[in-house]
Structure formats: C-alpha cells, structure tokens
C-alpha atoms as a PDB file:
ATOM      1  CA  MET A   1      30.345   6.801  19.405  1.00  0.00           C
ATOM      2  CA  PRO A   2      30.931   3.928  17.002  1.00  0.00           C
ATOM      3  CA  ALA A   3      29.645   3.982  13.453  1.00  0.00           C
ATOM      4  CA  LEU A   4      26.403   2.280  12.647  1.00  0.00           C
ATOM      5  CA  GLU A   5      27.053  -1.310  12.077  1.00  0.00           C
ATOM      6  CA  SER A   6      25.082  -4.427  11.879  1.00  0.00           C
ATOM      7  CA  PRO A   7      24.741  -6.392  14.959  1.00  0.00           C
ATOM      8  CA  LYS A   8      26.511  -9.296  13.227  1.00  0.00           C
ATOM      9  CA  ALA A   9      29.636  -7.049  12.705  1.00  0.00           C
ATOM     10  CA  GLN A  10      29.987  -6.726  16.490  1.00  0.00           C
ATOM     11  CA  TRP A  11      30.903 -10.331  16.804  1.00  0.00           C
ATOM     12  CA  VAL A  12      34.228  -9.946  15.046  1.00  0.00           C
ATOM     13  CA  PRO A  13      37.310  -8.093  16.501  1.00  0.00           C
ATOM     14  CA  GLN A  14      37.769  -4.464  15.395  1.00  0.00           C
ATOM     15  CA  ILE A  15      41.247  -3.251  14.448  1.00  0.00           C
ATOM     16  CA  SER A  16      42.256   0.347  13.925  1.00  0.00           C
ATOM     17  CA  LEU A  17      45.679   1.555  13.019  1.00  0.00           C
ATOM     18  CA  THR A  18      46.994   5.103  13.329  1.00  0.00           C
ATOM     19  CA  SER A  19      50.381   6.669  12.532  1.00  0.00           C
ATOM     20  CA  LEU A  20      52.108  10.015  12.833  1.00  0.00           C
ATOM     21  CA  GLY A  21      55.217  10.998  11.095  1.00  0.00           C
ATOM     22  CA  GLY A  22      57.307  14.009  11.283  1.00  0.00           C
ATOM     23  CA  SER A  23      60.882  15.519  11.368  1.00  0.00           C
ATOM     24  CA  ALA A  24      62.763  17.951  13.540  1.00  0.00           C
ATOM     25  CA  SER A  25      64.943  19.029  10.606  1.00  0.00           C
ATOM     26  CA  SER A  26      63.782  21.603   8.049  1.00  0.00           C
ATOM     27  CA  GLN A  27      65.887  20.183   5.192  1.00  0.00           C
ATOM     28  CA  LEU A  28      63.961  18.002   2.703  1.00  0.00           C
ATOM     29  CA  GLN A  29      66.561  15.483   2.022  1.00  0.00           C
ATOM     30  CA  SER A  30      67.088  14.562   5.578  1.00  0.00           C
ATOM     31  CA  MET A  31      63.416  14.365   6.461  1.00  0.00           C
ATOM     32  CA  PHE A  32      63.147  10.753   6.443  1.00  0.00           C
ATOM     33  CA  ALA A  33      66.611   9.639   7.300  1.00  0.00           C
ATOM     34  CA  GLY A  34      68.934  10.368  10.113  1.00  0.00           C
ATOM     35  CA  LYS A  35      68.733  11.032  13.825  1.00  0.00           C
ATOM     36  CA  ASN A  36      66.331  13.931  13.327  1.00  0.00           C
ATOM     37  CA  ALA A  37      63.371  11.848  12.073  1.00  0.00           C
ATOM     38  CA  TYR A  38      60.892  10.341  14.378  1.00  0.00           C
ATOM     39  CA  TRP A  39      57.932   7.973  13.768  1.00  0.00           C
ATOM     40  CA  TYR A  40      55.050   7.115  15.835  1.00  0.00           C
ATOM     41  CA  ALA A  41      52.844   4.110  15.021  1.00  0.00           C
ATOM     42  CA  ALA A  42      50.157   2.732  17.230  1.00  0.00           C
ATOM     43  CA  GLY A  43      47.623   0.133  16.866  1.00  0.00           C
ATOM     44  CA  SER A  44      44.662  -0.982  18.810  1.00  0.00           C
ATOM     45  CA  LEU A  45      42.627  -4.201  18.858  1.00  0.00           C
ATOM     46  CA  SER A  46      39.376  -4.304  20.562  1.00  0.00           C
ATOM     47  CA  GLU A  47      37.671  -7.638  20.859  1.00  0.00           C
ATOM     48  CA  PRO A  48      34.226  -8.219  22.399  1.00  0.00           C
ATOM     49  CA  ILE A  49      35.006 -10.580  25.117  1.00  0.00           C
ATOM     50  CA  PHE A  50      33.053  -9.374  28.277  1.00  0.00           C
ATOM     51  CA  ASP A  51      29.835  -7.897  26.899  1.00  0.00           C
ATOM     52  CA  ALA A  52      27.356  -9.630  29.167  1.00  0.00           C
ATOM     53  CA  GLY A  53      25.360 -10.845  26.235  1.00  0.00           C
ATOM     54  CA  ARG A  54      24.831  -7.347  24.784  1.00  0.00           C
ATOM     55  CA  ILE A  55      25.959  -8.219  21.197  1.00  0.00           C
ATOM     56  CA  ARG A  56      23.944 -11.442  21.131  1.00  0.00           C
ATOM     57  CA  SER A  57      20.790  -9.596  22.440  1.00  0.00           C
ATOM     58  CA  ASN A  58      21.254  -6.789  19.958  1.00  0.00           C
ATOM     59  CA  TYR A  59      21.514  -9.456  17.182  1.00  0.00           C
ATOM     60  CA  HIS A  60      18.296 -11.173  18.335  1.00  0.00           C
ATOM     61  CA  LEU A  61      16.549  -7.852  18.658  1.00  0.00           C
ATOM     62  CA  SER A  62      17.511  -6.887  15.082  1.00  0.00           C
ATOM     63  CA  GLN A  63      16.317 -10.254  13.815  1.00  0.00           C
ATOM     64  CA  ALA A  64      12.944  -9.785  15.642  1.00  0.00           C
ATOM     65  CA  GLN A  65      12.579  -6.235  14.249  1.00  0.00           C
ATOM     66  CA  GLU A  66      13.346  -7.524  10.764  1.00  0.00           C
ATOM     67  CA  GLN A  67      10.682 -10.263  11.167  1.00  0.00           C
ATOM     68  CA  GLU A  68       8.147  -7.720  12.504  1.00  0.00           C
ATOM     69  CA  MET A  69       8.757  -5.383   9.503  1.00  0.00           C
ATOM     70  CA  LEU A  70       8.297  -8.486   7.122  1.00  0.00           C
ATOM     71  CA  LEU A  71       4.979  -9.395   8.855  1.00  0.00           C
ATOM     72  CA  ASP A  72       3.830  -5.790   8.672  1.00  0.00           C
ATOM     73  CA  TYR A  73       4.664  -5.670   5.042  1.00  0.00           C
ATOM     74  CA  GLN A  74       2.751  -8.939   4.330  1.00  0.00           C
ATOM     75  CA  LYS A  75      -0.165  -7.742   6.358  1.00  0.00           C
ATOM     76  CA  THR A  76      -0.216  -4.534   4.244  1.00  0.00           C
ATOM     77  CA  ILE A  77      -0.244  -6.473   1.009  1.00  0.00           C
ATOM     78  CA  LEU A  78      -2.962  -8.852   2.215  1.00  0.00           C
ATOM     79  CA  ASN A  79      -5.101  -5.918   3.166  1.00  0.00           C
ATOM     80  CA  ALA A  80      -4.502  -4.167  -0.097  1.00  0.00           C
ATOM     81  CA  LEU A  81      -5.456  -7.577  -1.986  1.00  0.00           C
ATOM     82  CA  LYS A  82      -8.634  -7.858   0.233  1.00  0.00           C
ATOM     83  CA  ASP A  83      -9.675  -4.185  -0.503  1.00  0.00           C
ATOM     84  CA  VAL A  84      -9.253  -4.779  -4.236  1.00  0.00           C
ATOM     85  CA  SER A  85     -11.268  -8.126  -4.032  1.00  0.00           C
ATOM     86  CA  ASP A  86     -14.022  -6.436  -1.989  1.00  0.00           C
ATOM     87  CA  SER A  87     -14.161  -3.601  -4.501  1.00  0.00           C
ATOM     88  CA  LEU A  88     -14.260  -6.015  -7.479  1.00  0.00           C
ATOM     89  CA  VAL A  89     -17.182  -7.928  -5.834  1.00  0.00           C
ATOM     90  CA  GLY A  90     -19.062  -4.718  -4.942  1.00  0.00           C
ATOM     91  CA  TYR A  91     -18.641  -3.379  -8.457  1.00  0.00           C
ATOM     92  CA  LYS A  92     -19.871  -6.764  -9.928  1.00  0.00           C
ATOM     93  CA  GLU A  93     -22.981  -6.787  -7.623  1.00  0.00           C
ATOM     94  CA  THR A  94     -23.920  -3.084  -8.333  1.00  0.00           C
ATOM     95  CA  ARG A  95     -23.400  -3.698 -12.026  1.00  0.00           C
ATOM     96  CA  GLU A  96     -25.707  -6.715 -11.968  1.00  0.00           C
ATOM     97  CA  ARG A  97     -28.404  -4.736  -9.945  1.00  0.00           C
ATOM     98  CA  ARG A  98     -28.099  -1.890 -12.602  1.00  0.00           C
ATOM     99  CA  GLU A  99     -28.577  -4.408 -15.406  1.00  0.00           C
ATOM    100  CA  GLN A 100     -31.584  -5.934 -13.671  1.00  0.00           C
ATOM    101  CA  GLN A 101     -33.070  -2.535 -13.110  1.00  0.00           C
ATOM    102  CA  ALA A 102     -32.518  -1.592 -16.739  1.00  0.00           C
ATOM    103  CA  ALA A 103     -34.360  -4.628 -17.717  1.00  0.00           C
ATOM    104  CA  LEU A 104     -37.163  -3.817 -15.365  1.00  0.00           C
ATOM    105  CA  VAL A 105     -37.445  -0.362 -16.890  1.00  0.00           C
ATOM    106  CA  VAL A 106     -37.766  -1.990 -20.301  1.00  0.00           C
ATOM    107  CA  SER A 107     -40.491  -4.195 -19.033  1.00  0.00           C
ATOM    108  CA  ALA A 108     -42.268  -1.300 -17.341  1.00  0.00           C
ATOM    109  CA  ALA A 109     -42.052   0.881 -20.556  1.00  0.00           C
ATOM    110  CA  ASP A 110     -43.620  -2.138 -22.509  1.00  0.00           C
ATOM    111  CA  ALA A 111     -46.374  -2.366 -19.866  1.00  0.00           C
ATOM    112  CA  VAL A 112     -47.097   1.342 -20.256  1.00  0.00           C
ATOM    113  CA  ARG A 113     -47.400   0.925 -24.031  1.00  0.00           C
ATOM    114  CA  LEU A 114     -49.709  -1.942 -23.739  1.00  0.00           C
ATOM    115  CA  ALA A 115     -51.809  -0.227 -21.104  1.00  0.00           C
ATOM    116  CA  ARG A 116     -52.174   2.865 -23.395  1.00  0.00           C
ATOM    117  CA  LEU A 117     -53.176   0.452 -26.414  1.00  0.00           C
ATOM    118  CA  ARG A 118     -55.796  -1.147 -24.256  1.00  0.00           C
ATOM    119  CA  TYR A 119     -57.129   2.260 -23.103  1.00  0.00           C
ATOM    120  CA  SER A 120     -57.229   3.562 -26.537  1.00  0.00           C
ATOM    121  CA  GLY A 121     -59.167   0.447 -27.644  1.00  0.00           C
ATOM    122  CA  GLY A 122     -61.595   0.939 -24.873  1.00  0.00           C
ATOM    123  CA  ASN A 123     -60.583  -2.222 -22.997  1.00  0.00           C
ATOM    124  CA  THR A 124     -59.424  -0.657 -19.752  1.00  0.00           C
ATOM    125  CA  SER A 125     -59.669   2.461 -17.583  1.00  0.00           C
ATOM    126  CA  TYR A 126     -57.218   5.294 -17.501  1.00  0.00           C
ATOM    127  CA  LEU A 127     -56.484   4.183 -13.951  1.00  0.00           C
ATOM    128  CA  GLU A 128     -54.334   1.315 -15.386  1.00  0.00           C
ATOM    129  CA  VAL A 129     -52.480   3.666 -17.657  1.00  0.00           C
ATOM    130  CA  LEU A 130     -51.693   5.920 -14.608  1.00  0.00           C
ATOM    131  CA  THR A 131     -50.561   2.913 -12.518  1.00  0.00           C
ATOM    132  CA  THR A 132     -48.248   1.636 -15.288  1.00  0.00           C
ATOM    133  CA  ASP A 133     -46.844   5.166 -15.631  1.00  0.00           C
ATOM    134  CA  THR A 134     -46.144   5.362 -11.898  1.00  0.00           C
ATOM    135  CA  ASP A 135     -44.442   1.907 -12.092  1.00  0.00           C
ATOM    136  CA  LEU A 136     -42.339   3.056 -14.953  1.00  0.00           C
ATOM    137  CA  TYR A 137     -41.284   6.228 -13.181  1.00  0.00           C
ATOM    138  CA  ASP A 138     -40.354   4.274 -10.043  1.00  0.00           C
ATOM    139  CA  ALA A 139     -38.314   1.849 -12.068  1.00  0.00           C
ATOM    140  CA  GLN A 140     -36.561   4.761 -13.823  1.00  0.00           C
ATOM    141  CA  LEU A 141     -35.750   6.301 -10.467  1.00  0.00           C
ATOM    142  CA  GLN A 142     -34.340   3.015  -9.114  1.00  0.00           C
ATOM    143  CA  LEU A 143     -32.305   2.600 -12.247  1.00  0.00           C
ATOM    144  CA  ALA A 144     -30.706   6.077 -11.694  1.00  0.00           C
ATOM    145  CA  GLN A 145     -29.904   5.218  -8.082  1.00  0.00           C
ATOM    146  CA  SER A 146     -28.381   1.801  -9.277  1.00  0.00           C
ATOM    147  CA  GLN A 147     -26.296   3.743 -11.891  1.00  0.00           C
ATOM    148  CA  GLU A 148     -25.076   6.075  -9.085  1.00  0.00           C
ATOM    149  CA  GLN A 149     -24.182   3.168  -6.917  1.00  0.00           C
ATOM    150  CA  GLU A 150     -22.298   1.404  -9.812  1.00  0.00           C
ATOM    151  CA  ALA A 151     -20.360   4.650 -10.472  1.00  0.00           C
ATOM    152  CA  ALA A 152     -19.455   4.849  -6.713  1.00  0.00           C
ATOM    153  CA  SER A 153     -18.311   1.283  -6.658  1.00  0.00           C
ATOM    154  CA  LEU A 154     -16.260   1.814  -9.807  1.00  0.00           C
ATOM    155  CA  VAL A 155     -14.509   4.750  -7.994  1.00  0.00           C
ATOM    156  CA  GLN A 156     -13.937   2.559  -4.987  1.00  0.00           C
ATOM    157  CA  LEU A 157     -12.386  -0.106  -7.199  1.00  0.00           C
ATOM    158  CA  TYR A 158     -10.156   2.529  -8.835  1.00  0.00           C
ATOM    159  CA  ALA A 159      -8.951   3.786  -5.443  1.00  0.00           C
ATOM    160  CA  ALA A 160      -8.329   0.234  -4.253  1.00  0.00           C
ATOM    161  CA  LEU A 161      -6.108  -0.418  -7.272  1.00  0.00           C
ATOM    162  CA  GLY A 162      -4.203   2.730  -6.312  1.00  0.00           C
ATOM    163  CA  GLY A 163      -6.010   5.204  -8.382  1.00  0.00           C
ATOM    164  CA  GLY A 164      -4.018   8.170  -6.985  1.00  0.00           C
ATOM    165  CA  TRP A 165      -6.338   9.827  -4.468  1.00  0.00           C
ATOM    166  CA  GLN A 166      -7.457   9.296  -0.951  1.00  0.00           C
END
C-alpha cells in the first residue's frame, strides 16, 4: 500500500533505490575488496502511464472535496454571524421594551400619587385610587417580565458570541 500522497504527486514518476552489500569473507580488511565481496543494487522506476484516468479523477475529486470543505466553512461562519446579529437585534428590542415599561411604571406611580392626593382632598372616590393602584401593579408585573426577557436575550447573545456553554 503506497504512502498517503497528494493526488498531484501521483502525476510524477516515482523512483525507489535499494541496495544490499555483504561479504563471504570473515576478515575485515578484505571485506570490500577482492573476489569474496559481492554487491547487489537494484532500482525501480514506476511511471503513471496507463491509469485509465484514475490519477486525474482523484485529483479532481480532491479539488472538489477541498471546495466543499471551504463552502461548509464559509456557511458555518455566515450562520455564526447571523446568530450574533439576530441576538444583538433581540437584545436591543428587549432592552427598549424594558425601558418603555420602566417609564410606564414611573407614570403609573405618579398617577397613583395624584389619585391619592385627589382622594385625600375629597375630589374623587376611592375607586380611582384602587384603579390606579391596579394599573401600577400591572405595569410593575410587565416590567419584571420585560427584565426577565432582557436577561434571557443577553444570555442568548453571550452564547452566540461563543460564551462557553451550549
């Protein structure tokens, strides 16, 4: 089985050389000289002549695989950027919603204060105070929900940026 090589390397001839040396004599000084020494050297040359297009097909296959991996990589990067962009937009929207809800809570609290002043001055019934209290509690509940959604969108943004957990 040949070593792993690039398809482009299969286009050039492959040369391999082997040699074997030895001696029939046990004396060291006559080891490489004289009639007792023998040497064997061999070489081989293999050239891709008749391959029925195998090398060319392997080369084109490897190019197509490389292009496919590159496209997969680009797709992964684009998906990651899309996730980050979507998370940024989601966080911005939930933050704006929370800020609006906080302003609504401030307005509802002011309405409660004014309703209590009118009631203490005898200008309105206690029903108006109760109604404004209910509106304030609803606004506070919605603010808490908006804060929860903002925190969740911040976590999604952190995860989209590679925050370290999945």
